[in-house]
């Protein structure tokens, strides 16, 4: 749902809405970014604590997070 909403917003004609609506959208995106950072930190901590990266044959999480090449 999050990606669908962000995809919609990325394609929306936000220039046609009032500045107040744009400002509220920006505030909402800032809140969403904060929640995203907290959620990512929590999942990364669990992933690291459980050695999830070892399933990929590496010694730390960086290669798993950055992907190939």
PDB file of N, CA and C in Angstrom:
ATOM      1  N   UNK A   1       0.821  -1.196   0.000  1.00  0.00           N
ATOM      2  CA  UNK A   1       0.000   0.000   0.000  1.00  0.00           C
ATOM      3  C   UNK A   1       0.862   1.255   0.000  1.00  0.00           C
ATOM      4  N   UNK A   2       1.953   1.226   0.735  1.00  0.00           N
ATOM      5  CA  UNK A   2       2.821   2.392   0.808  1.00  0.00           C
ATOM      6  C   UNK A   2       3.397   2.710  -0.560  1.00  0.00           C
ATOM      7  N   UNK A   3       3.917   1.701  -1.247  1.00  0.00           N
ATOM      8  CA  UNK A   3       4.495   1.939  -2.569  1.00  0.00           C
ATOM      9  C   UNK A   3       3.446   2.405  -3.565  1.00  0.00           C
ATOM     10  N   UNK A   4       2.247   1.865  -3.464  1.00  0.00           N
ATOM     11  CA  UNK A   4       1.172   2.293  -4.355  1.00  0.00           C
ATOM     12  C   UNK A   4       0.844   3.764  -4.121  1.00  0.00           C
ATOM     13  N   UNK A   5       0.752   4.151  -2.857  1.00  0.00           N
ATOM     14  CA  UNK A   5       0.457   5.550  -2.536  1.00  0.00           C
ATOM     15  C   UNK A   5       1.555   6.483  -2.995  1.00  0.00           C
ATOM     16  N   UNK A   6       2.799   6.093  -2.766  1.00  0.00           N
ATOM     17  CA  UNK A   6       3.914   6.931  -3.201  1.00  0.00           C
ATOM     18  C   UNK A   6       3.994   6.989  -4.725  1.00  0.00           C
ATOM     19  N   UNK A   7       3.706   5.883  -5.371  1.00  0.00           N
ATOM     20  CA  UNK A   7       3.674   5.874  -6.828  1.00  0.00           C
ATOM     21  C   UNK A   7       2.616   6.808  -7.377  1.00  0.00           C
ATOM     22  N   UNK A   8       1.444   6.773  -6.748  1.00  0.00           N
ATOM     23  CA  UNK A   8       0.376   7.683  -7.164  1.00  0.00           C
ATOM     24  C   UNK A   8       0.812   9.125  -6.972  1.00  0.00           C
ATOM     25  N   UNK A   9       1.384   9.406  -5.825  1.00  0.00           N
ATOM     26  CA  UNK A   9       1.808  10.764  -5.521  1.00  0.00           C
ATOM     27  C   UNK A   9       2.904  11.231  -6.473  1.00  0.00           C
ATOM     28  N   UNK A  10       3.816  10.334  -6.828  1.00  0.00           N
ATOM     29  CA  UNK A  10       4.897  10.686  -7.750  1.00  0.00           C
ATOM     30  C   UNK A  10       4.361  11.079  -9.124  1.00  0.00           C
ATOM     31  N   UNK A  11       3.227  10.504  -9.493  1.00  0.00           N
ATOM     32  CA  UNK A  11       2.646  10.816 -10.793  1.00  0.00           C
ATOM     33  C   UNK A  11       1.553  11.867 -10.759  1.00  0.00           C
ATOM     34  N   UNK A  12       1.209  12.332  -9.573  1.00  0.00           N
ATOM     35  CA  UNK A  12       0.105  13.295  -9.431  1.00  0.00           C
ATOM     36  C   UNK A  12       0.518  14.687  -9.907  1.00  0.00           C
ATOM     37  N   UNK A  13      -0.455  15.426 -10.356  1.00  0.00           N
ATOM     38  CA  UNK A  13      -0.229  16.820 -10.770  1.00  0.00           C
ATOM     39  C   UNK A  13      -0.360  17.715  -9.542  1.00  0.00           C
ATOM     40  N   UNK A  14       0.663  17.679  -8.688  1.00  0.00           N
ATOM     41  CA  UNK A  14       0.595  18.436  -7.439  1.00  0.00           C
ATOM     42  C   UNK A  14       0.710  19.937  -7.670  1.00  0.00           C
ATOM     43  N   UNK A  15       1.153  20.360  -8.856  1.00  0.00           N
ATOM     44  CA  UNK A  15       1.206  21.786  -9.164  1.00  0.00           C
ATOM     45  C   UNK A  15      -0.183  22.385  -9.253  1.00  0.00           C
ATOM     46  N   UNK A  16      -1.187  21.538  -9.452  1.00  0.00           N
ATOM     47  CA  UNK A  16      -2.547  22.041  -9.618  1.00  0.00           C
ATOM     48  C   UNK A  16      -3.323  22.134  -8.304  1.00  0.00           C
ATOM     49  N   UNK A  17      -2.716  21.746  -7.191  1.00  0.00           N
ATOM     50  CA  UNK A  17      -3.404  21.832  -5.904  1.00  0.00           C
ATOM     51  C   UNK A  17      -2.883  23.038  -5.129  1.00  0.00           C
ATOM     52  N   UNK A  18      -3.681  23.552  -4.212  1.00  0.00           N
ATOM     53  CA  UNK A  18      -3.268  24.728  -3.450  1.00  0.00           C
ATOM     54  C   UNK A  18      -2.003  24.475  -2.617  1.00  0.00           C
ATOM     55  N   UNK A  19      -1.292  25.541  -2.322  1.00  0.00           N
ATOM     56  CA  UNK A  19      -0.049  25.455  -1.555  1.00  0.00           C
ATOM     57  C   UNK A  19      -0.275  24.805  -0.196  1.00  0.00           C
ATOM     58  N   UNK A  20      -1.420  25.040   0.416  1.00  0.00           N
ATOM     59  CA  UNK A  20      -1.719  24.423   1.705  1.00  0.00           C
ATOM     60  C   UNK A  20      -1.760  22.905   1.619  1.00  0.00           C
ATOM     61  N   UNK A  21      -2.305  22.403   0.542  1.00  0.00           N
ATOM     62  CA  UNK A  21      -2.354  20.954   0.325  1.00  0.00           C
ATOM     63  C   UNK A  21      -0.944  20.418   0.075  1.00  0.00           C
ATOM     64  N   UNK A  22      -0.168  21.151  -0.703  1.00  0.00           N
ATOM     65  CA  UNK A  22       1.215  20.747  -0.952  1.00  0.00           C
ATOM     66  C   UNK A  22       2.009  20.715   0.357  1.00  0.00           C
ATOM     67  N   UNK A  23       1.812  21.728   1.206  1.00  0.00           N
ATOM     68  CA  UNK A  23       2.513  21.795   2.494  1.00  0.00           C
ATOM     69  C   UNK A  23       2.133  20.614   3.377  1.00  0.00           C
ATOM     70  N   UNK A  24       0.850  20.291   3.427  1.00  0.00           N
ATOM     71  CA  UNK A  24       0.404  19.145   4.232  1.00  0.00           C
ATOM     72  C   UNK A  24       0.997  17.851   3.683  1.00  0.00           C
ATOM     73  N   UNK A  25       1.080  17.745   2.384  1.00  0.00           N
ATOM     74  CA  UNK A  25       1.685  16.573   1.758  1.00  0.00           C
ATOM     75  C   UNK A  25       3.155  16.464   2.163  1.00  0.00           C
ATOM     76  N   UNK A  26       3.868  17.576   2.123  1.00  0.00           N
ATOM     77  CA  UNK A  26       5.276  17.573   2.517  1.00  0.00           C
ATOM     78  C   UNK A  26       5.446  17.190   3.982  1.00  0.00           C
ATOM     79  N   UNK A  27       4.557  17.672   4.835  1.00  0.00           N
ATOM     80  CA  UNK A  27       4.621  17.291   6.254  1.00  0.00           C
ATOM     81  C   UNK A  27       4.362  15.799   6.421  1.00  0.00           C
ATOM     82  N   UNK A  28       3.396  15.284   5.689  1.00  0.00           N
ATOM     83  CA  UNK A  28       3.100  13.850   5.747  1.00  0.00           C
ATOM     84  C   UNK A  28       4.260  13.004   5.255  1.00  0.00           C
ATOM     85  N   UNK A  29       4.911  13.443   4.187  1.00  0.00           N
ATOM     86  CA  UNK A  29       6.066  12.719   3.680  1.00  0.00           C
ATOM     87  C   UNK A  29       7.213  12.726   4.686  1.00  0.00           C
ATOM     88  N   UNK A  30       7.375  13.838   5.391  1.00  0.00           N
ATOM     89  CA  UNK A  30       8.418  13.912   6.414  1.00  0.00           C
ATOM     90  C   UNK A  30       8.117  12.939   7.555  1.00  0.00           C
ATOM     91  N   UNK A  31       6.850  12.873   7.972  1.00  0.00           N
ATOM     92  CA  UNK A  31       6.468  11.917   9.020  1.00  0.00           C
ATOM     93  C   UNK A  31       6.682  10.490   8.540  1.00  0.00           C
ATOM     94  N   UNK A  32       6.307  10.215   7.298  1.00  0.00           N
ATOM     95  CA  UNK A  32       6.482   8.868   6.746  1.00  0.00           C
ATOM     96  C   UNK A  32       7.958   8.492   6.690  1.00  0.00           C
ATOM     97  N   UNK A  33       8.812   9.449   6.348  1.00  0.00           N
ATOM     98  CA  UNK A  33      10.245   9.180   6.300  1.00  0.00           C
ATOM     99  C   UNK A  33      10.784   8.850   7.691  1.00  0.00           C
ATOM    100  N   UNK A  34      10.281   9.537   8.697  1.00  0.00           N
ATOM    101  CA  UNK A  34      10.707   9.261  10.072  1.00  0.00           C
ATOM    102  C   UNK A  34      10.292   7.855  10.503  1.00  0.00           C
ATOM    103  N   UNK A  35       9.066   7.481  10.198  1.00  0.00           N
ATOM    104  CA  UNK A  35       8.583   6.137  10.546  1.00  0.00           C
ATOM    105  C   UNK A  35       9.361   5.092   9.757  1.00  0.00           C
ATOM    106  N   UNK A  36       9.638   5.377   8.490  1.00  0.00           N
ATOM    107  CA  UNK A  36      10.432   4.462   7.672  1.00  0.00           C
ATOM    108  C   UNK A  36      11.798   4.230   8.300  1.00  0.00           C
ATOM    109  N   UNK A  37      12.462   5.296   8.721  1.00  0.00           N
ATOM    110  CA  UNK A  37      13.791   5.164   9.320  1.00  0.00           C
ATOM    111  C   UNK A  37      13.743   4.317  10.590  1.00  0.00           C
ATOM    112  N   UNK A  38      12.728   4.532  11.411  1.00  0.00           N
ATOM    113  CA  UNK A  38      12.598   3.749  12.642  1.00  0.00           C
ATOM    114  C   UNK A  38      12.341   2.280  12.330  1.00  0.00           C
ATOM    115  N   UNK A  39      11.480   2.014  11.372  1.00  0.00           N
ATOM    116  CA  UNK A  39      11.166   0.629  11.002  1.00  0.00           C
ATOM    117  C   UNK A  39      12.386  -0.062  10.398  1.00  0.00           C
ATOM    118  N   UNK A  40      13.105   0.637   9.541  1.00  0.00           N
ATOM    119  CA  UNK A  40      14.289   0.067   8.910  1.00  0.00           C
ATOM    120  C   UNK A  40      15.358  -0.252   9.961  1.00  0.00           C
ATOM    121  N   UNK A  41      15.548   0.653  10.907  1.00  0.00           N
ATOM    122  CA  UNK A  41      16.534   0.421  11.963  1.00  0.00           C
ATOM    123  C   UNK A  41      16.173  -0.808  12.789  1.00  0.00           C
ATOM    124  N   UNK A  42      14.896  -0.960  13.067  1.00  0.00           N
ATOM    125  CA  UNK A  42      14.451  -2.100  13.871  1.00  0.00           C
ATOM    126  C   UNK A  42      14.661  -3.419  13.128  1.00  0.00           C
ATOM    127  N   UNK A  43      14.306  -3.440  11.852  1.00  0.00           N
ATOM    128  CA  UNK A  43      14.477  -4.659  11.055  1.00  0.00           C
ATOM    129  C   UNK A  43      15.959  -4.957  10.865  1.00  0.00           C
ATOM    130  N   UNK A  44      16.766  -3.930  10.598  1.00  0.00           N
ATOM    131  CA  UNK A  44      18.196  -4.139  10.422  1.00  0.00           C
ATOM    132  C   UNK A  44      18.838  -4.674  11.698  1.00  0.00           C
ATOM    133  N   UNK A  45      18.426  -4.156  12.843  1.00  0.00           N
ATOM    134  CA  UNK A  45      18.969  -4.645  14.113  1.00  0.00           C
ATOM    135  C   UNK A  45      18.648  -6.124  14.312  1.00  0.00           C
ATOM    136  N   UNK A  46      17.421  -6.518  14.016  1.00  0.00           N
ATOM    137  CA  UNK A  46      17.030  -7.917  14.150  1.00  0.00           C
ATOM    138  C   UNK A  46      17.783  -8.788  13.145  1.00  0.00           C
ATOM    139  N   UNK A  47      17.885  -8.307  11.916  1.00  0.00           N
ATOM    140  CA  UNK A  47      18.597  -9.027  10.856  1.00  0.00           C
ATOM    141  C   UNK A  47      20.048  -9.262  11.255  1.00  0.00           C
ATOM    142  N   UNK A  48      20.693  -8.217  11.771  1.00  0.00           N
ATOM    143  CA  UNK A  48      22.087  -8.315  12.186  1.00  0.00           C
ATOM    144  C   UNK A  48      22.237  -9.230  13.395  1.00  0.00           C
ATOM    145  N   UNK A  49      21.354  -9.066  14.379  1.00  0.00           N
ATOM    146  CA  UNK A  49      21.428  -9.884  15.596  1.00  0.00           C
ATOM    147  C   UNK A  49      21.266 -11.372  15.288  1.00  0.00           C
ATOM    148  N   UNK A  50      20.446 -11.688  14.307  1.00  0.00           N
ATOM    149  CA  UNK A  50      20.206 -13.091  13.958  1.00  0.00           C
ATOM    150  C   UNK A  50      21.184 -13.612  12.911  1.00  0.00           C
ATOM    151  N   UNK A  51      22.094 -12.754  12.453  1.00  0.00           N
ATOM    152  CA  UNK A  51      23.065 -13.185  11.444  1.00  0.00           C
ATOM    153  C   UNK A  51      22.428 -13.504  10.119  1.00  0.00           C
ATOM    154  N   UNK A  52      21.373 -12.790   9.768  1.00  0.00           N
ATOM    155  CA  UNK A  52      20.661 -13.049   8.516  1.00  0.00           C
ATOM    156  C   UNK A  52      21.536 -12.963   7.284  1.00  0.00           C
ATOM    157  N   UNK A  53      22.572 -12.161   7.363  1.00  0.00           N
ATOM    158  CA  UNK A  53      23.490 -11.999   6.235  1.00  0.00           C
ATOM    159  C   UNK A  53      24.291 -13.270   5.966  1.00  0.00           C
ATOM    160  N   UNK A  54      24.434 -14.132   6.979  1.00  0.00           N
ATOM    161  CA  UNK A  54      25.210 -15.367   6.806  1.00  0.00           C
ATOM    162  C   UNK A  54      24.573 -16.291   5.775  1.00  0.00           C
ATOM    163  N   UNK A  55      23.260 -16.185   5.584  1.00  0.00           N
ATOM    164  CA  UNK A  55      22.587 -17.002   4.576  1.00  0.00           C
ATOM    165  C   UNK A  55      23.116 -16.715   3.176  1.00  0.00           C
ATOM    166  N   UNK A  56      23.673 -15.502   2.999  1.00  0.00           N
ATOM    167  CA  UNK A  56      24.232 -15.123   1.705  1.00  0.00           C
ATOM    168  C   UNK A  56      25.737 -15.361   1.641  1.00  0.00           C
ATOM    169  N   UNK A  57      26.294 -15.963   2.682  1.00  0.00           N
ATOM    170  CA  UNK A  57      27.703 -16.285   2.694  1.00  0.00           C
ATOM    171  C   UNK A  57      28.630 -15.096   2.894  1.00  0.00           C
ATOM    172  N   UNK A  58      28.139 -14.074   3.588  1.00  0.00           N
ATOM    173  CA  UNK A  58      28.973 -12.900   3.859  1.00  0.00           C
ATOM    174  C   UNK A  58      29.143 -12.730   5.361  1.00  0.00           C
ATOM    175  N   UNK A  59      30.080 -11.871   5.765  1.00  0.00           N
ATOM    176  CA  UNK A  59      30.404 -11.721   7.180  1.00  0.00           C
ATOM    177  C   UNK A  59      29.691 -10.567   7.865  1.00  0.00           C
ATOM    178  N   UNK A  60      29.061  -9.714   7.102  1.00  0.00           N
ATOM    179  CA  UNK A  60      28.318  -8.588   7.672  1.00  0.00           C
ATOM    180  C   UNK A  60      27.183  -8.207   6.733  1.00  0.00           C
ATOM    181  N   UNK A  61      26.336  -7.304   7.168  1.00  0.00           N
ATOM    182  CA  UNK A  61      25.112  -7.015   6.422  1.00  0.00           C
ATOM    183  C   UNK A  61      25.302  -6.117   5.214  1.00  0.00           C
ATOM    184  N   UNK A  62      26.402  -5.399   5.082  1.00  0.00           N
ATOM    185  CA  UNK A  62      26.568  -4.428   3.992  1.00  0.00           C
ATOM    186  C   UNK A  62      26.342  -5.006   2.596  1.00  0.00           C
ATOM    187  N   UNK A  63      26.950  -6.145   2.239  1.00  0.00           N
ATOM    188  CA  UNK A  63      26.707  -6.676   0.882  1.00  0.00           C
ATOM    189  C   UNK A  63      25.237  -7.058   0.650  1.00  0.00           C
ATOM    190  N   UNK A  64      24.579  -7.483   1.675  1.00  0.00           N
ATOM    191  CA  UNK A  64      23.165  -7.855   1.548  1.00  0.00           C
ATOM    192  C   UNK A  64      22.331  -6.604   1.285  1.00  0.00           C
ATOM    193  N   UNK A  65      22.678  -5.516   1.957  1.00  0.00           N
ATOM    194  CA  UNK A  65      21.915  -4.284   1.828  1.00  0.00           C
ATOM    195  C   UNK A  65      22.169  -3.561   0.517  1.00  0.00           C
ATOM    196  N   UNK A  66      23.390  -3.639   0.011  1.00  0.00           N
ATOM    197  CA  UNK A  66      23.721  -2.908  -1.211  1.00  0.00           C
ATOM    198  C   UNK A  66      23.445  -3.708  -2.467  1.00  0.00           C
ATOM    199  N   UNK A  67      23.387  -5.016  -2.343  1.00  0.00           N
ATOM    200  CA  UNK A  67      23.094  -5.860  -3.498  1.00  0.00           C
ATOM    201  C   UNK A  67      24.312  -6.067  -4.378  1.00  0.00           C
ATOM    202  N   UNK A  68      24.131  -6.829  -5.441  1.00  0.00           N
ATOM    203  CA  UNK A  68      25.262  -7.130  -6.317  1.00  0.00           C
ATOM    204  C   UNK A  68      25.720  -5.896  -7.104  1.00  0.00           C
ATOM    205  N   UNK A  69      26.998  -5.874  -7.384  1.00  0.00           N
ATOM    206  CA  UNK A  69      27.610  -4.874  -8.250  1.00  0.00           C
ATOM    207  C   UNK A  69      27.418  -3.505  -7.829  1.00  0.00           C
TER     208      UNK A  69
END
